[in-house]
Amino acid sequence: MTSNLFPFTPDPALDLVLERDIDVPVELVWEAWTSPESIKEWFCPKPWSVSSCEIDLRPGGRFNTVMRSPEGDEFPNHGCYLEVVPNQRLVFTDTLLPGFRPAPKPFFTAALLLAPTATGTRYTAIAIHGNEETRKQHEEMGFHDGWGTVVDQLVAHIKAAMH
């Protein structure tokens, strides 16, 4: 898959891809991905939650979340945006911290690609890994089920806000 928006071809040995057609408008998907209050509502599979979210929506700007387990344990995730193209593409990474500072324990870079369709949005999420070991670890952590559940939660969140 190569798109005009993101000139990148995923490598199955290194990358994980989730593609879906969802029945909500691109602009509302973008809004849900770029609002800290919205992120808290859908960003991780329930019963997990997001207790904190900081967004500085620009290349080099921070994208920080704190995920909370059902038991109350918190897992901070710090990273930065690499590319921000409204309603089309959002690329962020934990490989770099805000201001493009190197992170001590990089895991992956994510690309969110959005394209309008006749019925809503073509939603593509790509998790880009530096080696096969981290790709495998991410897959075993439940990438496909987890990110798929999150897309369902995203759509439900958007539809609830529309009514």
N, C-alpha and C. Protein backbone atom coordinates (compact mmCIF):
# COMPACT_ATOMS: atom_id res chain seq x y z
N MET A 1 0.85 -1.16 0.00
CA MET A 1 0.00 0.00 0.00
C MET A 1 0.89 1.23 0.00
N THR A 2 0.78 2.01 -1.01
CA THR A 2 1.44 3.30 -1.06
C THR A 2 0.34 4.30 -1.34
N SER A 3 0.32 5.39 -0.60
CA SER A 3 -0.70 6.39 -0.84
C SER A 3 -0.04 7.66 -1.30
N ASN A 4 -0.80 8.50 -1.97
CA ASN A 4 -0.28 9.81 -2.36
C ASN A 4 0.00 10.65 -1.13
N LEU A 5 -0.71 10.36 -0.05
CA LEU A 5 -0.56 11.15 1.16
C LEU A 5 0.70 10.79 1.93
N PHE A 6 1.00 9.54 2.01
CA PHE A 6 2.09 9.07 2.85
C PHE A 6 2.92 8.12 2.02
N PRO A 7 4.00 8.59 1.42
CA PRO A 7 4.79 7.73 0.52
C PRO A 7 5.58 6.68 1.30
N PHE A 8 4.88 5.65 1.69
CA PHE A 8 5.46 4.62 2.55
C PHE A 8 4.81 3.30 2.21
N THR A 9 5.60 2.29 2.04
CA THR A 9 5.07 0.95 1.82
C THR A 9 5.40 0.11 3.05
N PRO A 10 4.38 -0.33 3.78
CA PRO A 10 4.65 -1.14 4.97
C PRO A 10 5.40 -2.43 4.63
N ASP A 11 6.26 -2.81 5.54
CA ASP A 11 7.01 -4.06 5.44
C ASP A 11 6.37 -5.02 6.44
N PRO A 12 5.76 -6.13 5.97
CA PRO A 12 5.08 -7.04 6.89
C PRO A 12 5.98 -7.58 8.01
N ALA A 13 7.28 -7.59 7.80
CA ALA A 13 8.19 -8.06 8.85
C ALA A 13 8.36 -7.02 9.95
N LEU A 14 8.09 -5.76 9.64
CA LEU A 14 8.37 -4.68 10.58
C LEU A 14 7.14 -3.88 11.01
N ASP A 15 6.08 -3.93 10.22
CA ASP A 15 4.96 -3.02 10.43
C ASP A 15 3.63 -3.75 10.58
N LEU A 16 2.72 -3.11 11.28
CA LEU A 16 1.36 -3.62 11.46
C LEU A 16 0.40 -2.61 10.87
N VAL A 17 -0.62 -3.09 10.18
CA VAL A 17 -1.56 -2.21 9.48
C VAL A 17 -2.99 -2.60 9.83
N LEU A 18 -3.80 -1.57 10.10
CA LEU A 18 -5.23 -1.75 10.30
C LEU A 18 -5.93 -0.82 9.32
N GLU A 19 -6.76 -1.39 8.45
CA GLU A 19 -7.51 -0.59 7.47
C GLU A 19 -9.00 -0.88 7.65
N ARG A 20 -9.78 0.20 7.65
CA ARG A 20 -11.22 0.06 7.80
C ARG A 20 -11.94 1.18 7.06
N ASP A 21 -13.11 0.87 6.56
CA ASP A 21 -14.02 1.91 6.10
C ASP A 21 -14.99 2.13 7.24
N ILE A 22 -15.06 3.37 7.72
CA ILE A 22 -15.95 3.70 8.83
C ILE A 22 -16.96 4.73 8.37
N ASP A 23 -18.16 4.70 8.96
CA ASP A 23 -19.27 5.52 8.46
C ASP A 23 -19.45 6.83 9.23
N VAL A 24 -18.33 7.52 9.42
CA VAL A 24 -18.34 8.86 10.00
C VAL A 24 -17.42 9.75 9.16
N PRO A 25 -17.71 11.05 9.09
CA PRO A 25 -16.93 11.95 8.23
C PRO A 25 -15.49 12.14 8.69
N VAL A 26 -14.61 12.32 7.71
CA VAL A 26 -13.18 12.53 7.96
C VAL A 26 -12.95 13.65 8.99
N GLU A 27 -13.66 14.76 8.84
CA GLU A 27 -13.45 15.91 9.72
C GLU A 27 -13.72 15.57 11.18
N LEU A 28 -14.71 14.71 11.42
CA LEU A 28 -15.01 14.33 12.80
C LEU A 28 -14.00 13.32 13.34
N VAL A 29 -13.47 12.47 12.47
CA VAL A 29 -12.39 11.55 12.89
C VAL A 29 -11.17 12.38 13.28
N TRP A 30 -10.84 13.36 12.45
CA TRP A 30 -9.69 14.23 12.74
C TRP A 30 -9.88 14.94 14.09
N GLU A 31 -11.07 15.49 14.28
CA GLU A 31 -11.36 16.21 15.53
C GLU A 31 -11.20 15.28 16.73
N ALA A 32 -11.68 14.04 16.61
CA ALA A 32 -11.58 13.09 17.71
C ALA A 32 -10.13 12.72 18.01
N TRP A 33 -9.28 12.71 16.99
CA TRP A 33 -7.87 12.38 17.15
C TRP A 33 -7.03 13.55 17.65
N THR A 34 -7.57 14.77 17.59
CA THR A 34 -6.75 15.93 17.91
C THR A 34 -7.26 16.73 19.11
N SER A 35 -8.25 16.23 19.81
CA SER A 35 -8.80 16.87 21.00
C SER A 35 -8.47 16.01 22.23
N PRO A 36 -7.74 16.56 23.20
CA PRO A 36 -7.41 15.76 24.39
C PRO A 36 -8.65 15.21 25.09
N GLU A 37 -9.71 16.00 25.20
CA GLU A 37 -10.92 15.51 25.87
C GLU A 37 -11.54 14.35 25.10
N SER A 38 -11.49 14.41 23.79
CA SER A 38 -12.02 13.33 22.97
C SER A 38 -11.16 12.07 23.10
N ILE A 39 -9.85 12.24 23.04
CA ILE A 39 -8.91 11.11 23.16
C ILE A 39 -9.21 10.31 24.44
N LYS A 40 -9.51 11.02 25.51
CA LYS A 40 -9.78 10.35 26.80
C LYS A 40 -10.99 9.42 26.72
N GLU A 41 -11.88 9.67 25.77
CA GLU A 41 -13.12 8.89 25.67
C GLU A 41 -12.98 7.57 24.91
N TRP A 42 -11.98 7.45 24.01
CA TRP A 42 -11.99 6.29 23.13
C TRP A 42 -10.62 5.66 22.85
N PHE A 43 -9.53 6.28 23.27
CA PHE A 43 -8.20 5.96 22.77
C PHE A 43 -7.63 4.60 23.19
N CYS A 44 -8.11 3.98 24.23
CA CYS A 44 -7.62 2.63 24.57
C CYS A 44 -8.80 1.72 24.88
N PRO A 45 -8.62 0.42 24.64
CA PRO A 45 -9.73 -0.51 24.81
C PRO A 45 -10.24 -0.54 26.26
N LYS A 46 -11.55 -0.37 26.40
CA LYS A 46 -12.16 -0.44 27.73
C LYS A 46 -12.02 -1.87 28.25
N PRO A 47 -11.81 -2.12 29.52
CA PRO A 47 -12.00 -1.20 30.63
C PRO A 47 -10.79 -0.31 30.94
N TRP A 48 -9.75 -0.33 30.13
CA TRP A 48 -8.65 0.62 30.28
C TRP A 48 -9.19 2.01 29.98
N SER A 49 -8.49 3.02 30.44
CA SER A 49 -8.90 4.39 30.19
C SER A 49 -7.68 5.28 30.00
N VAL A 50 -7.91 6.49 29.54
CA VAL A 50 -6.86 7.50 29.42
C VAL A 50 -7.13 8.53 30.50
N SER A 51 -6.21 8.64 31.46
CA SER A 51 -6.42 9.57 32.57
C SER A 51 -5.88 10.97 32.26
N SER A 52 -4.99 11.05 31.27
CA SER A 52 -4.40 12.34 30.93
C SER A 52 -4.00 12.33 29.46
N CYS A 53 -4.16 13.48 28.81
CA CYS A 53 -3.74 13.62 27.41
C CYS A 53 -3.30 15.06 27.18
N GLU A 54 -2.11 15.20 26.61
CA GLU A 54 -1.58 16.51 26.23
C GLU A 54 -1.27 16.49 24.75
N ILE A 55 -1.76 17.50 24.04
CA ILE A 55 -1.54 17.59 22.60
C ILE A 55 -1.03 18.98 22.26
N ASP A 56 0.07 19.03 21.54
CA ASP A 56 0.58 20.26 20.93
C ASP A 56 0.69 19.93 19.45
N LEU A 57 -0.37 20.20 18.72
CA LEU A 57 -0.58 19.68 17.36
C LEU A 57 0.25 20.42 16.32
N ARG A 58 1.53 20.06 16.25
CA ARG A 58 2.46 20.60 15.26
C ARG A 58 3.66 19.67 15.22
N PRO A 59 4.38 19.62 14.11
CA PRO A 59 5.59 18.80 14.07
C PRO A 59 6.53 19.20 15.21
N GLY A 60 6.96 18.21 15.96
CA GLY A 60 7.80 18.45 17.14
C GLY A 60 7.00 18.69 18.40
N GLY A 61 5.68 18.85 18.27
CA GLY A 61 4.82 19.08 19.42
C GLY A 61 4.51 17.78 20.16
N ARG A 62 4.18 17.89 21.41
CA ARG A 62 3.99 16.70 22.24
C ARG A 62 2.64 16.01 21.98
N PHE A 63 2.70 14.69 22.08
CA PHE A 63 1.50 13.85 22.12
C PHE A 63 1.73 12.88 23.27
N ASN A 64 1.22 13.25 24.44
CA ASN A 64 1.43 12.47 25.65
C ASN A 64 0.09 11.95 26.16
N THR A 65 0.07 10.68 26.51
CA THR A 65 -1.11 10.10 27.13
C THR A 65 -0.68 9.29 28.35
N VAL A 66 -1.59 9.14 29.29
CA VAL A 66 -1.39 8.24 30.41
C VAL A 66 -2.54 7.25 30.37
N MET A 67 -2.21 5.98 30.17
CA MET A 67 -3.23 4.93 30.15
C MET A 67 -3.35 4.33 31.54
N ARG A 68 -4.59 4.09 31.95
CA ARG A 68 -4.85 3.55 33.29
C ARG A 68 -5.49 2.18 33.15
N SER A 69 -4.92 1.21 33.84
CA SER A 69 -5.47 -0.15 33.83
C SER A 69 -6.71 -0.19 34.71
N PRO A 70 -7.52 -1.25 34.57
CA PRO A 70 -8.70 -1.39 35.43
C PRO A 70 -8.32 -1.43 36.92
N GLU A 71 -7.09 -1.84 37.23
CA GLU A 71 -6.62 -1.91 38.62
C GLU A 71 -6.10 -0.55 39.12
N GLY A 72 -6.03 0.43 38.21
CA GLY A 72 -5.58 1.76 38.61
C GLY A 72 -4.11 2.04 38.35
N ASP A 73 -3.39 1.09 37.77
CA ASP A 73 -1.98 1.33 37.42
C ASP A 73 -1.93 2.26 36.21
N GLU A 74 -0.97 3.19 36.22
CA GLU A 74 -0.87 4.16 35.13
C GLU A 74 0.39 3.93 34.31
N PHE A 75 0.24 4.09 32.99
CA PHE A 75 1.32 3.87 32.04
C PHE A 75 1.46 5.10 31.15
N PRO A 76 2.45 5.97 31.44
CA PRO A 76 2.63 7.16 30.63
C PRO A 76 3.26 6.83 29.27
N ASN A 77 2.79 7.51 28.26
CA ASN A 77 3.33 7.38 26.91
C ASN A 77 3.67 8.79 26.42
N HIS A 78 4.93 9.00 26.10
CA HIS A 78 5.39 10.32 25.67
C HIS A 78 5.92 10.23 24.26
N GLY A 79 5.58 11.23 23.46
CA GLY A 79 6.08 11.26 22.10
C GLY A 79 5.83 12.60 21.47
N CYS A 80 6.07 12.65 20.16
CA CYS A 80 5.84 13.90 19.44
C CYS A 80 5.29 13.63 18.06
N TYR A 81 4.68 14.66 17.53
CA TYR A 81 4.15 14.60 16.16
C TYR A 81 5.29 14.84 15.18
N LEU A 82 5.28 14.08 14.11
CA LEU A 82 6.24 14.26 13.03
C LEU A 82 5.60 15.00 11.86
N GLU A 83 4.32 14.71 11.63
CA GLU A 83 3.63 15.33 10.51
C GLU A 83 2.16 15.52 10.87
N VAL A 84 1.64 16.69 10.51
CA VAL A 84 0.25 17.02 10.79
C VAL A 84 -0.34 17.64 9.52
N VAL A 85 -1.21 16.90 8.85
CA VAL A 85 -1.91 17.39 7.66
C VAL A 85 -3.40 17.24 7.95
N PRO A 86 -4.07 18.35 8.34
CA PRO A 86 -5.46 18.25 8.78
C PRO A 86 -6.36 17.45 7.84
N ASN A 87 -7.13 16.55 8.46
CA ASN A 87 -8.12 15.70 7.80
C ASN A 87 -7.52 14.69 6.82
N GLN A 88 -6.20 14.53 6.83
CA GLN A 88 -5.55 13.58 5.92
C GLN A 88 -4.56 12.66 6.61
N ARG A 89 -3.66 13.25 7.40
CA ARG A 89 -2.53 12.44 7.89
C ARG A 89 -2.04 12.99 9.22
N LEU A 90 -1.80 12.06 10.15
CA LEU A 90 -1.23 12.39 11.45
C LEU A 90 -0.16 11.33 11.73
N VAL A 91 1.08 11.77 11.86
CA VAL A 91 2.18 10.84 12.11
C VAL A 91 2.82 11.24 13.44
N PHE A 92 2.91 10.28 14.36
CA PHE A 92 3.50 10.56 15.66
C PHE A 92 4.37 9.38 16.08
N THR A 93 5.25 9.64 17.05
CA THR A 93 6.21 8.62 17.44
C THR A 93 6.54 8.72 18.92
N ASP A 94 6.93 7.60 19.50
CA ASP A 94 7.52 7.62 20.84
C ASP A 94 9.03 7.49 20.74
N THR A 95 9.54 7.47 19.52
CA THR A 95 10.98 7.42 19.29
C THR A 95 11.62 8.77 19.61
N LEU A 96 10.82 9.81 19.47
CA LEU A 96 11.26 11.16 19.80
C LEU A 96 10.30 11.77 20.81
N LEU A 97 10.85 12.61 21.66
CA LEU A 97 10.06 13.36 22.62
C LEU A 97 9.79 14.74 22.02
N PRO A 98 8.96 15.55 22.67
CA PRO A 98 8.71 16.89 22.14
C PRO A 98 10.01 17.62 21.83
N GLY A 99 9.97 18.41 20.77
CA GLY A 99 11.16 19.12 20.33
C GLY A 99 12.14 18.22 19.59
N PHE A 100 11.68 17.03 19.19
CA PHE A 100 12.48 16.05 18.46
C PHE A 100 13.66 15.50 19.29
N ARG A 101 13.55 15.53 20.62
CA ARG A 101 14.60 14.96 21.48
C ARG A 101 14.50 13.44 21.45
N PRO A 102 15.63 12.73 21.32
CA PRO A 102 15.58 11.26 21.31
C PRO A 102 14.99 10.69 22.61
N ALA A 103 14.17 9.67 22.46
CA ALA A 103 13.54 9.00 23.60
C ALA A 103 14.45 7.88 24.09
N PRO A 104 14.42 7.59 25.39
CA PRO A 104 15.29 6.54 25.91
C PRO A 104 14.87 5.13 25.49
N LYS A 105 13.56 4.89 25.30
CA LYS A 105 13.08 3.55 24.97
C LYS A 105 12.07 3.62 23.83
N PRO A 106 12.55 3.81 22.61
CA PRO A 106 11.60 3.90 21.49
C PRO A 106 10.91 2.56 21.22
N PHE A 107 9.64 2.66 20.79
CA PHE A 107 8.87 1.45 20.50
C PHE A 107 8.33 1.47 19.07
N PHE A 108 7.63 2.55 18.69
CA PHE A 108 7.10 2.58 17.33
C PHE A 108 6.71 3.99 16.91
N THR A 109 6.49 4.13 15.62
CA THR A 109 5.95 5.33 15.02
C THR A 109 4.60 4.95 14.43
N ALA A 110 3.62 5.85 14.57
CA ALA A 110 2.28 5.57 14.06
C ALA A 110 1.92 6.57 12.97
N ALA A 111 1.27 6.06 11.94
CA ALA A 111 0.74 6.91 10.88
C ALA A 111 -0.76 6.65 10.80
N LEU A 112 -1.52 7.72 10.90
CA LEU A 112 -2.96 7.65 10.71
C LEU A 112 -3.26 8.33 9.39
N LEU A 113 -3.85 7.59 8.46
CA LEU A 113 -4.19 8.12 7.15
C LEU A 113 -5.70 8.13 7.01
N LEU A 114 -6.25 9.26 6.61
CA LEU A 114 -7.69 9.42 6.48
C LEU A 114 -8.01 9.85 5.05
N ALA A 115 -9.03 9.24 4.47
CA ALA A 115 -9.47 9.63 3.13
C ALA A 115 -10.99 9.55 3.09
N PRO A 116 -11.63 10.57 2.51
CA PRO A 116 -13.09 10.52 2.42
C PRO A 116 -13.56 9.43 1.46
N THR A 117 -14.68 8.81 1.81
CA THR A 117 -15.33 7.83 0.94
C THR A 117 -16.78 8.28 0.76
N ALA A 118 -17.51 7.58 -0.07
CA ALA A 118 -18.91 7.92 -0.31
C ALA A 118 -19.74 7.81 0.98
N THR A 119 -19.32 6.93 1.90
CA THR A 119 -20.11 6.70 3.11
C THR A 119 -19.40 7.14 4.39
N GLY A 120 -18.23 7.75 4.28
CA GLY A 120 -17.53 8.17 5.49
C GLY A 120 -16.04 8.34 5.29
N THR A 121 -15.27 7.45 5.90
CA THR A 121 -13.81 7.60 5.94
C THR A 121 -13.11 6.27 5.71
N ARG A 122 -12.09 6.29 4.87
CA ARG A 122 -11.14 5.17 4.79
C ARG A 122 -10.09 5.46 5.85
N TYR A 123 -10.04 4.61 6.86
CA TYR A 123 -9.21 4.80 8.05
C TYR A 123 -8.07 3.79 7.98
N THR A 124 -6.85 4.27 7.92
CA THR A 124 -5.69 3.39 7.91
C THR A 124 -4.75 3.79 9.02
N ALA A 125 -4.43 2.84 9.88
CA ALA A 125 -3.45 3.06 10.95
C ALA A 125 -2.28 2.11 10.71
N ILE A 126 -1.08 2.66 10.73
CA ILE A 126 0.12 1.87 10.51
C ILE A 126 1.03 2.04 11.72
N ALA A 127 1.46 0.94 12.32
CA ALA A 127 2.44 0.96 13.39
C ALA A 127 3.77 0.51 12.78
N ILE A 128 4.72 1.43 12.76
CA ILE A 128 6.02 1.22 12.11
C ILE A 128 7.05 0.92 13.19
N HIS A 129 7.71 -0.22 13.06
CA HIS A 129 8.67 -0.67 14.07
C HIS A 129 10.09 -0.72 13.50
N GLY A 130 11.05 -0.58 14.38
CA GLY A 130 12.46 -0.58 13.97
C GLY A 130 13.03 -1.96 13.73
N ASN A 131 12.37 -2.98 14.27
CA ASN A 131 12.88 -4.34 14.08
C ASN A 131 11.73 -5.34 14.23
N GLU A 132 12.00 -6.57 13.81
CA GLU A 132 10.97 -7.60 13.84
C GLU A 132 10.54 -7.93 15.27
N GLU A 133 11.46 -7.83 16.21
CA GLU A 133 11.17 -8.16 17.60
C GLU A 133 10.09 -7.22 18.18
N THR A 134 10.23 -5.91 17.94
CA THR A 134 9.23 -4.99 18.48
C THR A 134 7.91 -5.12 17.73
N ARG A 135 7.95 -5.41 16.43
CA ARG A 135 6.70 -5.64 15.70
C ARG A 135 5.97 -6.84 16.28
N LYS A 136 6.71 -7.91 16.51
CA LYS A 136 6.11 -9.13 17.07
C LYS A 136 5.56 -8.87 18.48
N GLN A 137 6.32 -8.12 19.28
CA GLN A 137 5.87 -7.79 20.62
C GLN A 137 4.57 -6.98 20.57
N HIS A 138 4.49 -6.01 19.67
CA HIS A 138 3.29 -5.19 19.53
C HIS A 138 2.10 -6.04 19.07
N GLU A 139 2.36 -6.95 18.14
CA GLU A 139 1.30 -7.84 17.67
C GLU A 139 0.81 -8.73 18.81
N GLU A 140 1.73 -9.27 19.61
CA GLU A 140 1.37 -10.14 20.73
C GLU A 140 0.66 -9.37 21.84
N MET A 141 0.93 -8.06 21.94
CA MET A 141 0.23 -7.22 22.92
C MET A 141 -1.23 -7.03 22.51
N GLY A 142 -1.57 -7.43 21.29
CA GLY A 142 -2.96 -7.35 20.83
C GLY A 142 -3.22 -6.20 19.88
N PHE A 143 -2.25 -5.85 19.05
CA PHE A 143 -2.42 -4.74 18.12
C PHE A 143 -3.73 -4.81 17.36
N HIS A 144 -3.98 -5.92 16.65
CA HIS A 144 -5.15 -5.98 15.78
C HIS A 144 -6.46 -5.90 16.56
N ASP A 145 -6.59 -6.67 17.64
CA ASP A 145 -7.81 -6.60 18.45
C ASP A 145 -7.92 -5.25 19.14
N GLY A 146 -6.83 -4.81 19.74
CA GLY A 146 -6.85 -3.56 20.50
C GLY A 146 -7.12 -2.35 19.62
N TRP A 147 -6.37 -2.21 18.53
CA TRP A 147 -6.57 -1.06 17.66
C TRP A 147 -7.91 -1.16 16.93
N GLY A 148 -8.37 -2.38 16.66
CA GLY A 148 -9.69 -2.55 16.05
C GLY A 148 -10.79 -2.14 17.01
N THR A 149 -10.67 -2.53 18.29
CA THR A 149 -11.63 -2.12 19.31
C THR A 149 -11.64 -0.61 19.46
N VAL A 150 -10.46 0.00 19.42
CA VAL A 150 -10.36 1.45 19.56
C VAL A 150 -11.06 2.16 18.39
N VAL A 151 -10.96 1.62 17.18
CA VAL A 151 -11.68 2.22 16.05
C VAL A 151 -13.19 2.15 16.29
N ASP A 152 -13.67 1.01 16.78
CA ASP A 152 -15.10 0.89 17.10
C ASP A 152 -15.50 1.92 18.15
N GLN A 153 -14.66 2.09 19.19
CA GLN A 153 -14.95 3.07 20.24
C GLN A 153 -14.92 4.49 19.68
N LEU A 154 -13.97 4.76 18.78
CA LEU A 154 -13.88 6.07 18.12
C LEU A 154 -15.17 6.38 17.37
N VAL A 155 -15.63 5.43 16.56
CA VAL A 155 -16.86 5.62 15.78
C VAL A 155 -18.06 5.84 16.72
N ALA A 156 -18.16 5.04 17.76
CA ALA A 156 -19.27 5.19 18.72
C ALA A 156 -19.21 6.57 19.39
N HIS A 157 -18.02 7.01 19.74
CA HIS A 157 -17.84 8.32 20.37
C HIS A 157 -18.29 9.44 19.43
N ILE A 158 -17.88 9.35 18.18
CA ILE A 158 -18.27 10.37 17.19
C ILE A 158 -19.77 10.38 16.98
N LYS A 159 -20.37 9.19 16.82
CA LYS A 159 -21.82 9.12 16.60
C LYS A 159 -22.59 9.65 17.79
N ALA A 160 -22.13 9.38 19.00
CA ALA A 160 -22.81 9.89 20.19
C ALA A 160 -22.75 11.41 20.24
N ALA A 161 -21.62 11.97 19.82
CA ALA A 161 -21.46 13.43 19.82
C ALA A 161 -22.29 14.09 18.72
N MET A 162 -22.62 13.33 17.65
CA MET A 162 -23.40 13.86 16.53
C MET A 162 -24.88 14.00 16.89
N HIS A 163 -25.32 13.27 17.91
CA HIS A 163 -26.76 13.27 18.25
C HIS A 163 -27.05 14.16 19.42
